[in-house]
Amino acid sequence: MTKRRKRRKHIPQRVCVACRTARPKRNLIRIVRTGEGDIIIDETGKRSGRGAYLCRQRICWEKAIKHQSISKALKAHVSDQVVQMLQEHANTLPQSLPTESE
């Protein structure tokens, strides 16, 4: 009788558009351009539409807004109103993620 090895469950990886770091999908926040052209923050990661991922730290959000990384990733113009919404959401996030040693 042969023993079966337990397979590790596949964890989807995504890349932050600001810092270009690959992280598990669940550790990132998704921004979506819907079919109607609206740009929204999708905390669940399940809405349909073109998505861009950002780390859960303020530094990445500010960098993405400054360099228009979100606009490029979504292939859509990001209005001033949406930028303001993104900035407000960024202000609720921690400045940076805790390091592994903490």
PDB file of N, CA and C in Angstrom:
ATOM      1  N   MET A   1       0.842  -1.179   0.000  1.00  0.00           N
ATOM      2  CA  MET A   1       0.000   0.000   0.000  1.00  0.00           C
ATOM      3  C   MET A   1       0.891   1.248   0.000  1.00  0.00           C
ATOM      4  N   THR A   2       0.623   2.168  -0.895  1.00  0.00           N
ATOM      5  CA  THR A   2       1.442   3.376  -0.982  1.00  0.00           C
ATOM      6  C   THR A   2       0.812   4.501  -0.185  1.00  0.00           C
ATOM      7  N   LYS A   3       1.687   5.318   0.360  1.00  0.00           N
ATOM      8  CA  LYS A   3       1.198   6.469   1.118  1.00  0.00           C
ATOM      9  C   LYS A   3       1.052   7.652   0.179  1.00  0.00           C
ATOM     10  N   ARG A   4       0.015   8.376   0.366  1.00  0.00           N
ATOM     11  CA  ARG A   4      -0.201   9.581  -0.437  1.00  0.00           C
ATOM     12  C   ARG A   4       0.324  10.783   0.319  1.00  0.00           C
ATOM     13  N   ARG A   5       0.984  11.624  -0.413  1.00  0.00           N
ATOM     14  CA  ARG A   5       1.450  12.869   0.191  1.00  0.00           C
ATOM     15  C   ARG A   5       0.311  13.865   0.219  1.00  0.00           C
ATOM     16  N   LYS A   6       0.264  14.601   1.290  1.00  0.00           N
ATOM     17  CA  LYS A   6      -0.741  15.659   1.364  1.00  0.00           C
ATOM     18  C   LYS A   6      -0.266  16.824   0.527  1.00  0.00           C
ATOM     19  N   ARG A   7      -1.118  17.276  -0.342  1.00  0.00           N
ATOM     20  CA  ARG A   7      -0.779  18.424  -1.169  1.00  0.00           C
ATOM     21  C   ARG A   7      -1.138  19.694  -0.423  1.00  0.00           C
ATOM     22  N   ARG A   8      -0.260  20.661  -0.535  1.00  0.00           N
ATOM     23  CA  ARG A   8      -0.578  21.959   0.048  1.00  0.00           C
ATOM     24  C   ARG A   8      -1.624  22.627  -0.815  1.00  0.00           C
ATOM     25  N   LYS A   9      -2.541  23.284  -0.177  1.00  0.00           N
ATOM     26  CA  LYS A   9      -3.587  23.984  -0.903  1.00  0.00           C
ATOM     27  C   LYS A   9      -2.971  25.148  -1.676  1.00  0.00           C
ATOM     28  N   HIS A  10      -3.384  25.292  -2.922  1.00  0.00           N
ATOM     29  CA  HIS A  10      -2.884  26.378  -3.765  1.00  0.00           C
ATOM     30  C   HIS A  10      -3.381  27.712  -3.220  1.00  0.00           C
ATOM     31  N   ILE A  11      -2.470  28.660  -3.062  1.00  0.00           N
ATOM     32  CA  ILE A  11      -2.824  29.996  -2.590  1.00  0.00           C
ATOM     33  C   ILE A  11      -2.581  30.965  -3.737  1.00  0.00           C
ATOM     34  N   PRO A  12      -3.653  31.552  -4.293  1.00  0.00           N
ATOM     35  CA  PRO A  12      -3.481  32.484  -5.411  1.00  0.00           C
ATOM     36  C   PRO A  12      -2.625  33.682  -5.016  1.00  0.00           C
ATOM     37  N   GLN A  13      -1.700  34.051  -5.881  1.00  0.00           N
ATOM     38  CA  GLN A  13      -0.809  35.184  -5.656  1.00  0.00           C
ATOM     39  C   GLN A  13      -1.186  36.322  -6.603  1.00  0.00           C
ATOM     40  N   ARG A  14      -1.087  37.542  -6.128  1.00  0.00           N
ATOM     41  CA  ARG A  14      -1.307  38.732  -6.954  1.00  0.00           C
ATOM     42  C   ARG A  14      -0.191  39.726  -6.652  1.00  0.00           C
ATOM     43  N   VAL A  15       0.011  40.677  -7.559  1.00  0.00           N
ATOM     44  CA  VAL A  15       1.082  41.657  -7.424  1.00  0.00           C
ATOM     45  C   VAL A  15       0.486  43.027  -7.135  1.00  0.00           C
ATOM     46  N   CYS A  16       1.018  43.698  -6.133  1.00  0.00           N
ATOM     47  CA  CYS A  16       0.609  45.063  -5.799  1.00  0.00           C
ATOM     48  C   CYS A  16       1.072  45.981  -6.929  1.00  0.00           C
ATOM     49  N   VAL A  17       0.177  46.836  -7.443  1.00  0.00           N
ATOM     50  CA  VAL A  17       0.536  47.719  -8.559  1.00  0.00           C
ATOM     51  C   VAL A  17       1.485  48.829  -8.127  1.00  0.00           C
ATOM     52  N   ALA A  18       1.626  49.068  -6.844  1.00  0.00           N
ATOM     53  CA  ALA A  18       2.512  50.133  -6.362  1.00  0.00           C
ATOM     54  C   ALA A  18       3.918  49.614  -6.078  1.00  0.00           C
ATOM     55  N   CYS A  19       4.033  48.605  -5.220  1.00  0.00           N
ATOM     56  CA  CYS A  19       5.361  48.127  -4.808  1.00  0.00           C
ATOM     57  C   CYS A  19       5.832  46.913  -5.602  1.00  0.00           C
ATOM     58  N   ARG A  20       4.964  46.349  -6.439  1.00  0.00           N
ATOM     59  CA  ARG A  20       5.290  45.211  -7.305  1.00  0.00           C
ATOM     60  C   ARG A  20       5.690  43.964  -6.511  1.00  0.00           C
ATOM     61  N   THR A  21       5.161  43.822  -5.302  1.00  0.00           N
ATOM     62  CA  THR A  21       5.439  42.663  -4.467  1.00  0.00           C
ATOM     63  C   THR A  21       4.313  41.651  -4.621  1.00  0.00           C
ATOM     64  N   ALA A  22       4.661  40.389  -4.864  1.00  0.00           N
ATOM     65  CA  ALA A  22       3.662  39.327  -4.962  1.00  0.00           C
ATOM     66  C   ALA A  22       3.275  38.891  -3.554  1.00  0.00           C
ATOM     67  N   ARG A  23       1.986  38.865  -3.304  1.00  0.00           N
ATOM     68  CA  ARG A  23       1.458  38.462  -1.998  1.00  0.00           C
ATOM     69  C   ARG A  23       0.226  37.589  -2.226  1.00  0.00           C
ATOM     70  N   PRO A  24      -0.189  36.835  -1.203  1.00  0.00           N
ATOM     71  CA  PRO A  24      -1.435  36.090  -1.333  1.00  0.00           C
ATOM     72  C   PRO A  24      -2.602  37.046  -1.618  1.00  0.00           C
ATOM     73  N   LYS A  25      -3.485  36.617  -2.492  1.00  0.00           N
ATOM     74  CA  LYS A  25      -4.613  37.448  -2.923  1.00  0.00           C
ATOM     75  C   LYS A  25      -5.416  37.991  -1.741  1.00  0.00           C
ATOM     76  N   ARG A  26      -5.582  37.197  -0.705  1.00  0.00           N
ATOM     77  CA  ARG A  26      -6.382  37.617   0.453  1.00  0.00           C
ATOM     78  C   ARG A  26      -5.734  38.742   1.251  1.00  0.00           C
ATOM     79  N   ASN A  27      -4.433  38.945   1.083  1.00  0.00           N
ATOM     80  CA  ASN A  27      -3.722  39.991   1.821  1.00  0.00           C
ATOM     81  C   ASN A  27      -3.709  41.325   1.088  1.00  0.00           C
ATOM     82  N   LEU A  28      -4.336  41.379  -0.072  1.00  0.00           N
ATOM     83  CA  LEU A  28      -4.366  42.600  -0.869  1.00  0.00           C
ATOM     84  C   LEU A  28      -5.797  43.112  -0.985  1.00  0.00           C
ATOM     85  N   ILE A  29      -5.928  44.375  -1.320  1.00  0.00           N
ATOM     86  CA  ILE A  29      -7.244  44.977  -1.552  1.00  0.00           C
ATOM     87  C   ILE A  29      -7.386  45.194  -3.049  1.00  0.00           C
ATOM     88  N   ARG A  30      -8.531  44.825  -3.588  1.00  0.00           N
ATOM     89  CA  ARG A  30      -8.773  44.925  -5.026  1.00  0.00           C
ATOM     90  C   ARG A  30      -9.570  46.183  -5.340  1.00  0.00           C
ATOM     91  N   ILE A  31      -9.138  46.872  -6.385  1.00  0.00           N
ATOM     92  CA  ILE A  31      -9.877  48.010  -6.918  1.00  0.00           C
ATOM     93  C   ILE A  31     -10.394  47.561  -8.274  1.00  0.00           C
ATOM     94  N   VAL A  32     -11.671  47.776  -8.536  1.00  0.00           N
ATOM     95  CA  VAL A  32     -12.312  47.231  -9.726  1.00  0.00           C
ATOM     96  C   VAL A  32     -12.887  48.325 -10.610  1.00  0.00           C
ATOM     97  N   ARG A  33     -12.692  48.160 -11.923  1.00  0.00           N
ATOM     98  CA  ARG A  33     -13.422  48.965 -12.907  1.00  0.00           C
ATOM     99  C   ARG A  33     -14.529  48.056 -13.420  1.00  0.00           C
ATOM    100  N   THR A  34     -15.761  48.404 -13.098  1.00  0.00           N
ATOM    101  CA  THR A  34     -16.900  47.581 -13.481  1.00  0.00           C
ATOM    102  C   THR A  34     -17.201  47.743 -14.966  1.00  0.00           C
ATOM    103  N   GLY A  35     -18.112  46.937 -15.455  1.00  0.00           N
ATOM    104  CA  GLY A  35     -18.521  47.012 -16.850  1.00  0.00           C
ATOM    105  C   GLY A  35     -19.119  48.354 -17.215  1.00  0.00           C
ATOM    106  N   GLU A  36     -19.710  49.035 -16.239  1.00  0.00           N
ATOM    107  CA  GLU A  36     -20.302  50.353 -16.471  1.00  0.00           C
ATOM    108  C   GLU A  36     -19.254  51.460 -16.427  1.00  0.00           C
ATOM    109  N   GLY A  37     -18.025  51.126 -16.032  1.00  0.00           N
ATOM    110  CA  GLY A  37     -16.954  52.118 -15.972  1.00  0.00           C
ATOM    111  C   GLY A  37     -16.734  52.716 -14.598  1.00  0.00           C
ATOM    112  N   ASP A  38     -17.521  52.305 -13.609  1.00  0.00           N
ATOM    113  CA  ASP A  38     -17.336  52.796 -12.239  1.00  0.00           C
ATOM    114  C   ASP A  38     -16.086  52.157 -11.635  1.00  0.00           C
ATOM    115  N   ILE A  39     -15.394  52.902 -10.794  1.00  0.00           N
ATOM    116  CA  ILE A  39     -14.223  52.375 -10.098  1.00  0.00           C
ATOM    117  C   ILE A  39     -14.561  52.315  -8.618  1.00  0.00           C
ATOM    118  N   ILE A  40     -14.470  51.109  -8.060  1.00  0.00           N
ATOM    119  CA  ILE A  40     -14.856  50.890  -6.670  1.00  0.00           C
ATOM    120  C   ILE A  40     -13.794  50.053  -5.953  1.00  0.00           C
ATOM    121  N   ILE A  41     -13.805  50.127  -4.632  1.00  0.00           N
ATOM    122  CA  ILE A  41     -12.924  49.304  -3.804  1.00  0.00           C
ATOM    123  C   ILE A  41     -13.685  48.031  -3.471  1.00  0.00           C
ATOM    124  N   ASP A  42     -13.087  46.895  -3.771  1.00  0.00           N
ATOM    125  CA  ASP A  42     -13.728  45.597  -3.566  1.00  0.00           C
ATOM    126  C   ASP A  42     -12.953  44.818  -2.507  1.00  0.00           C
ATOM    127  N   GLU A  43     -13.372  44.926  -1.266  1.00  0.00           N
ATOM    128  CA  GLU A  43     -12.690  44.237  -0.159  1.00  0.00           C
ATOM    129  C   GLU A  43     -12.816  42.714  -0.274  1.00  0.00           C
ATOM    130  N   THR A  44     -13.896  42.223  -0.890  1.00  0.00           N
ATOM    131  CA  THR A  44     -14.104  40.782  -0.991  1.00  0.00           C
ATOM    132  C   THR A  44     -13.293  40.158  -2.115  1.00  0.00           C
ATOM    133  N   GLY A  45     -12.962  40.939  -3.142  1.00  0.00           N
ATOM    134  CA  GLY A  45     -12.206  40.427  -4.277  1.00  0.00           C
ATOM    135  C   GLY A  45     -13.028  39.583  -5.222  1.00  0.00           C
ATOM    136  N   LYS A  46     -14.353  39.705  -5.165  1.00  0.00           N
ATOM    137  CA  LYS A  46     -15.218  38.847  -5.963  1.00  0.00           C
ATOM    138  C   LYS A  46     -16.048  39.574  -7.022  1.00  0.00           C
ATOM    139  N   ARG A  47     -16.017  40.889  -7.039  1.00  0.00           N
ATOM    140  CA  ARG A  47     -16.806  41.625  -8.027  1.00  0.00           C
ATOM    141  C   ARG A  47     -16.232  41.414  -9.413  1.00  0.00           C
ATOM    142  N   SER A  48     -17.112  41.423 -10.402  1.00  0.00           N
ATOM    143  CA  SER A  48     -16.640  41.239 -11.767  1.00  0.00           C
ATOM    144  C   SER A  48     -16.136  42.561 -12.323  1.00  0.00           C
ATOM    145  N   GLY A  49     -15.155  42.477 -13.189  1.00  0.00           N
ATOM    146  CA  GLY A  49     -14.569  43.653 -13.804  1.00  0.00           C
ATOM    147  C   GLY A  49     -13.056  43.577 -13.773  1.00  0.00           C
ATOM    148  N   ARG A  50     -12.440  44.549 -14.389  1.00  0.00           N
ATOM    149  CA  ARG A  50     -10.972  44.598 -14.427  1.00  0.00           C
ATOM    150  C   ARG A  50     -10.455  45.065 -13.071  1.00  0.00           C
ATOM    151  N   GLY A  51      -9.482  44.355 -12.521  1.00  0.00           N
ATOM    152  CA  GLY A  51      -9.021  44.655 -11.174  1.00  0.00           C
ATOM    153  C   GLY A  51      -7.561  45.035 -11.083  1.00  0.00           C
ATOM    154  N   ALA A  52      -7.252  45.747 -10.029  1.00  0.00           N
ATOM    155  CA  ALA A  52      -5.879  46.092  -9.666  1.00  0.00           C
ATOM    156  C   ALA A  52      -5.759  45.852  -8.165  1.00  0.00           C
ATOM    157  N   TYR A  53      -4.624  45.354  -7.742  1.00  0.00           N
ATOM    158  CA  TYR A  53      -4.430  45.007  -6.338  1.00  0.00           C
ATOM    159  C   TYR A  53      -3.423  45.926  -5.666  1.00  0.00           C
ATOM    160  N   LEU A  54      -3.723  46.259  -4.406  1.00  0.00           N
ATOM    161  CA  LEU A  54      -2.827  47.086  -3.593  1.00  0.00           C
ATOM    162  C   LEU A  54      -2.670  46.453  -2.216  1.00  0.00           C
ATOM    163  N   CYS A  55      -1.481  46.605  -1.640  1.00  0.00           N
ATOM    164  CA  CYS A  55      -1.218  46.122  -0.283  1.00  0.00           C
ATOM    165  C   CYS A  55      -2.113  46.868   0.708  1.00  0.00           C
ATOM    166  N   ARG A  56      -2.247  46.295   1.876  1.00  0.00           N
ATOM    167  CA  ARG A  56      -3.044  46.921   2.933  1.00  0.00           C
ATOM    168  C   ARG A  56      -2.184  47.866   3.763  1.00  0.00           C
ATOM    169  N   GLN A  57      -1.458  48.751   3.083  1.00  0.00           N
ATOM    170  CA  GLN A  57      -0.644  49.757   3.769  1.00  0.00           C
ATOM    171  C   GLN A  57      -0.748  51.082   3.015  1.00  0.00           C
ATOM    172  N   ARG A  58      -0.757  52.146   3.781  1.00  0.00           N
ATOM    173  CA  ARG A  58      -0.954  53.490   3.231  1.00  0.00           C
ATOM    174  C   ARG A  58       0.131  53.877   2.224  1.00  0.00           C
ATOM    175  N   ILE A  59       1.355  53.451   2.462  1.00  0.00           N
ATOM    176  CA  ILE A  59       2.470  53.806   1.577  1.00  0.00           C
ATOM    177  C   ILE A  59       2.173  53.383   0.136  1.00  0.00           C
ATOM    178  N   CYS A  60       1.690  52.169  -0.043  1.00  0.00           N
ATOM    179  CA  CYS A  60       1.400  51.675  -1.397  1.00  0.00           C
ATOM    180  C   CYS A  60       0.257  52.449  -2.041  1.00  0.00           C
ATOM    181  N   TRP A  61      -0.765  52.767  -1.276  1.00  0.00           N
ATOM    182  CA  TRP A  61      -1.898  53.504  -1.829  1.00  0.00           C
ATOM    183  C   TRP A  61      -1.464  54.893  -2.283  1.00  0.00           C
ATOM    184  N   GLU A  62      -0.668  55.573  -1.457  1.00  0.00           N
ATOM    185  CA  GLU A  62      -0.209  56.917  -1.819  1.00  0.00           C
ATOM    186  C   GLU A  62       0.701  56.874  -3.043  1.00  0.00           C
ATOM    187  N   LYS A  63       1.549  55.867  -3.121  1.00  0.00           N
ATOM    188  CA  LYS A  63       2.440  55.720  -4.276  1.00  0.00           C
ATOM    189  C   LYS A  63       1.630  55.439  -5.549  1.00  0.00           C
ATOM    190  N   ALA A  64       0.624  54.578  -5.446  1.00  0.00           N
ATOM    191  CA  ALA A  64      -0.206  54.248  -6.609  1.00  0.00           C
ATOM    192  C   ALA A  64      -0.990  55.461  -7.097  1.00  0.00           C
ATOM    193  N   ILE A  65      -1.479  56.275  -6.174  1.00  0.00           N
ATOM    194  CA  ILE A  65      -2.219  57.487  -6.549  1.00  0.00           C
ATOM    195  C   ILE A  65      -1.269  58.489  -7.201  1.00  0.00           C
ATOM    196  N   LYS A  66      -0.105  58.671  -6.611  1.00  0.00           N
ATOM    197  CA  LYS A  66       0.860  59.649  -7.117  1.00  0.00           C
ATOM    198  C   LYS A  66       1.347  59.303  -8.527  1.00  0.00           C
ATOM    199  N   HIS A  67       1.643  58.042  -8.767  1.00  0.00           N
ATOM    200  CA  HIS A  67       2.208  57.616 -10.052  1.00  0.00           C
ATOM    201  C   HIS A  67       1.152  57.122 -11.043  1.00  0.00           C
ATOM    202  N   GLN A  68      -0.113  57.254 -10.705  1.00  0.00           N
ATOM    203  CA  GLN A  68      -1.235  56.848 -11.554  1.00  0.00           C
ATOM    204  C   GLN A  68      -1.171  55.363 -11.928  1.00  0.00           C
ATOM    205  N   SER A  69      -0.667  54.542 -11.032  1.00  0.00           N
ATOM    206  CA  SER A  69      -0.570  53.103 -11.270  1.00  0.00           C
ATOM    207  C   SER A  69      -1.944  52.457 -11.393  1.00  0.00           C
ATOM    208  N   ILE A  70      -2.907  52.967 -10.649  1.00  0.00           N
ATOM    209  CA  ILE A  70      -4.256  52.407 -10.682  1.00  0.00           C
ATOM    210  C   ILE A  70      -4.884  52.663 -12.039  1.00  0.00           C
ATOM    211  N   SER A  71      -4.744  53.872 -12.537  1.00  0.00           N
ATOM    212  CA  SER A  71      -5.274  54.238 -13.847  1.00  0.00           C
ATOM    213  C   SER A  71      -4.682  53.350 -14.939  1.00  0.00           C
ATOM    214  N   LYS A  72      -3.389  53.105 -14.874  1.00  0.00           N
ATOM    215  CA  LYS A  72      -2.712  52.270 -15.874  1.00  0.00           C
ATOM    216  C   LYS A  72      -3.172  50.819 -15.779  1.00  0.00           C
ATOM    217  N   ALA A  73      -3.284  50.300 -14.566  1.00  0.00           N
ATOM    218  CA  ALA A  73      -3.679  48.905 -14.376  1.00  0.00           C
ATOM    219  C   ALA A  73      -5.126  48.660 -14.793  1.00  0.00           C
ATOM    220  N   LEU A  74      -5.996  49.636 -14.521  1.00  0.00           N
ATOM    221  CA  LEU A  74      -7.408  49.483 -14.871  1.00  0.00           C
ATOM    222  C   LEU A  74      -7.700  49.894 -16.308  1.00  0.00           C
ATOM    223  N   LYS A  75      -6.716  50.494 -16.965  1.00  0.00           N
ATOM    224  CA  LYS A  75      -6.870  50.999 -18.335  1.00  0.00           C
ATOM    225  C   LYS A  75      -8.079  51.917 -18.440  1.00  0.00           C
ATOM    226  N   ALA A  76      -8.152  52.844 -17.491  1.00  0.00           N
ATOM    227  CA  ALA A  76      -9.258  53.797 -17.443  1.00  0.00           C
ATOM    228  C   ALA A  76      -8.802  55.067 -16.748  1.00  0.00           C
ATOM    229  N   HIS A  77      -9.439  56.176 -17.110  1.00  0.00           N
ATOM    230  CA  HIS A  77      -9.159  57.446 -16.440  1.00  0.00           C
ATOM    231  C   HIS A  77      -9.761  57.402 -15.041  1.00  0.00           C
ATOM    232  N   VAL A  78      -8.984  57.809 -14.058  1.00  0.00           N
ATOM    233  CA  VAL A  78      -9.465  57.863 -12.680  1.00  0.00           C
ATOM    234  C   VAL A  78      -9.770  59.322 -12.363  1.00  0.00           C
ATOM    235  N   SER A  79     -11.043  59.609 -12.121  1.00  0.00           N
ATOM    236  CA  SER A  79     -11.475  60.988 -11.872  1.00  0.00           C
ATOM    237  C   SER A  79     -10.976  61.487 -10.518  1.00  0.00           C
ATOM    238  N   ASP A  80     -11.018  62.804 -10.348  1.00  0.00           N
ATOM    239  CA  ASP A  80     -10.602  63.412  -9.078  1.00  0.00           C
ATOM    240  C   ASP A  80     -11.461  62.914  -7.921  1.00  0.00           C
ATOM    241  N   GLN A  81     -12.743  62.680  -8.198  1.00  0.00           N
ATOM    242  CA  GLN A  81     -13.658  62.187  -7.168  1.00  0.00           C
ATOM    243  C   GLN A  81     -13.230  60.787  -6.699  1.00  0.00           C
ATOM    244  N   VAL A  82     -12.842  59.929  -7.637  1.00  0.00           N
ATOM    245  CA  VAL A  82     -12.391  58.579  -7.288  1.00  0.00           C
ATOM    246  C   VAL A  82     -11.058  58.650  -6.548  1.00  0.00           C
ATOM    247  N   VAL A  83     -10.159  59.533  -6.982  1.00  0.00           N
ATOM    248  CA  VAL A  83      -8.874  59.708  -6.295  1.00  0.00           C
ATOM    249  C   VAL A  83      -9.114  60.117  -4.849  1.00  0.00           C
ATOM    250  N   GLN A  84     -10.071  61.003  -4.632  1.00  0.00           N
ATOM    251  CA  GLN A  84     -10.402  61.431  -3.266  1.00  0.00           C
ATOM    252  C   GLN A  84     -10.918  60.250  -2.443  1.00  0.00           C
ATOM    253  N   MET A  85     -11.782  59.410  -3.049  1.00  0.00           N
ATOM    254  CA  MET A  85     -12.307  58.234  -2.358  1.00  0.00           C
ATOM    255  C   MET A  85     -11.156  57.282  -1.998  1.00  0.00           C
ATOM    256  N   LEU A  86     -10.225  57.085  -2.930  1.00  0.00           N
ATOM    257  CA  LEU A  86      -9.083  56.207  -2.678  1.00  0.00           C
ATOM    258  C   LEU A  86      -8.188  56.768  -1.575  1.00  0.00           C
ATOM    259  N   GLN A  87      -7.989  58.077  -1.582  1.00  0.00           N
ATOM    260  CA  GLN A  87      -7.163  58.723  -0.557  1.00  0.00           C
ATOM    261  C   GLN A  87      -7.808  58.598   0.822  1.00  0.00           C
ATOM    262  N   GLU A  88      -9.135  58.745   0.885  1.00  0.00           N
ATOM    263  CA  GLU A  88      -9.842  58.586   2.161  1.00  0.00           C
ATOM    264  C   GLU A  88      -9.688  57.163   2.684  1.00  0.00           C
ATOM    265  N   HIS A  89      -9.781  56.183   1.770  1.00  0.00           N
ATOM    266  CA  HIS A  89      -9.611  54.789   2.189  1.00  0.00           C
ATOM    267  C   HIS A  89      -8.174  54.549   2.655  1.00  0.00           C
ATOM    268  N   ALA A  90      -7.215  55.144   1.952  1.00  0.00           N
ATOM    269  CA  ALA A  90      -5.800  54.991   2.323  1.00  0.00           C
ATOM    270  C   ALA A  90      -5.542  55.525   3.726  1.00  0.00           C
ATOM    271  N   ASN A  91      -6.226  56.595   4.099  1.00  0.00           N
ATOM    272  CA  ASN A  91      -6.028  57.194   5.421  1.00  0.00           C
ATOM    273  C   ASN A  91      -6.500  56.287   6.554  1.00  0.00           C
ATOM    274  N   THR A  92      -7.327  55.292   6.246  1.00  0.00           N
ATOM    275  CA  THR A  92      -7.795  54.351   7.265  1.00  0.00           C
ATOM    276  C   THR A  92      -6.823  53.188   7.458  1.00  0.00           C
ATOM    277  N   LEU A  93      -5.840  53.066   6.569  1.00  0.00           N
ATOM    278  CA  LEU A  93      -4.904  51.942   6.607  1.00  0.00           C
ATOM    279  C   LEU A  93      -3.667  52.282   7.437  1.00  0.00           C
ATOM    280  N   PRO A  94      -2.965  51.256   7.955  1.00  0.00           N
ATOM    281  CA  PRO A  94      -1.714  51.517   8.672  1.00  0.00           C
ATOM    282  C   PRO A  94      -0.647  52.051   7.719  1.00  0.00           C
ATOM    283  N   GLN A  95       0.299  52.807   8.246  1.00  0.00           N
ATOM    284  CA  GLN A  95       1.356  53.398   7.420  1.00  0.00           C
ATOM    285  C   GLN A  95       2.129  52.325   6.660  1.00  0.00           C
ATOM    286  N   SER A  96       2.492  51.244   7.355  1.00  0.00           N
ATOM    287  CA  SER A  96       3.185  50.133   6.705  1.00  0.00           C
ATOM    288  C   SER A  96       2.796  48.838   7.403  1.00  0.00           C
ATOM    289  N   LEU A  97       3.053  47.726   6.725  1.00  0.00           N
ATOM    290  CA  LEU A  97       2.734  46.426   7.294  1.00  0.00           C
ATOM    291  C   LEU A  97       3.772  46.050   8.339  1.00  0.00           C
ATOM    292  N   PRO A  98       3.350  45.332   9.386  1.00  0.00           N
ATOM    293  CA  PRO A  98       4.336  44.882  10.373  1.00  0.00           C
ATOM    294  C   PRO A  98       5.289  43.879   9.727  1.00  0.00           C
ATOM    295  N   THR A  99       6.538  43.900  10.133  1.00  0.00           N
ATOM    296  CA  THR A  99       7.511  42.957   9.590  1.00  0.00           C
ATOM    297  C   THR A  99       7.324  41.599  10.238  1.00  0.00           C
ATOM    298  N   GLU A 100       7.910  40.580   9.646  1.00  0.00           N
ATOM    299  CA  GLU A 100       7.751  39.215  10.143  1.00  0.00           C
ATOM    300  C   GLU A 100       8.333  39.028  11.541  1.00  0.00           C
ATOM    301  N   SER A 101       9.332  39.819  11.908  1.00  0.00           N
ATOM    302  CA  SER A 101       9.970  39.666  13.217  1.00  0.00           C
ATOM    303  C   SER A 101       9.151  40.273  14.348  1.00  0.00           C
ATOM    304  N   GLU A 102       8.180  41.113  14.004  1.00  0.00           N
ATOM    305  CA  GLU A 102       7.375  41.773  15.053  1.00  0.00           C
ATOM    306  C   GLU A 102       6.280  40.874  15.552  1.00  0.00           C
TER     307      GLU A 102
END
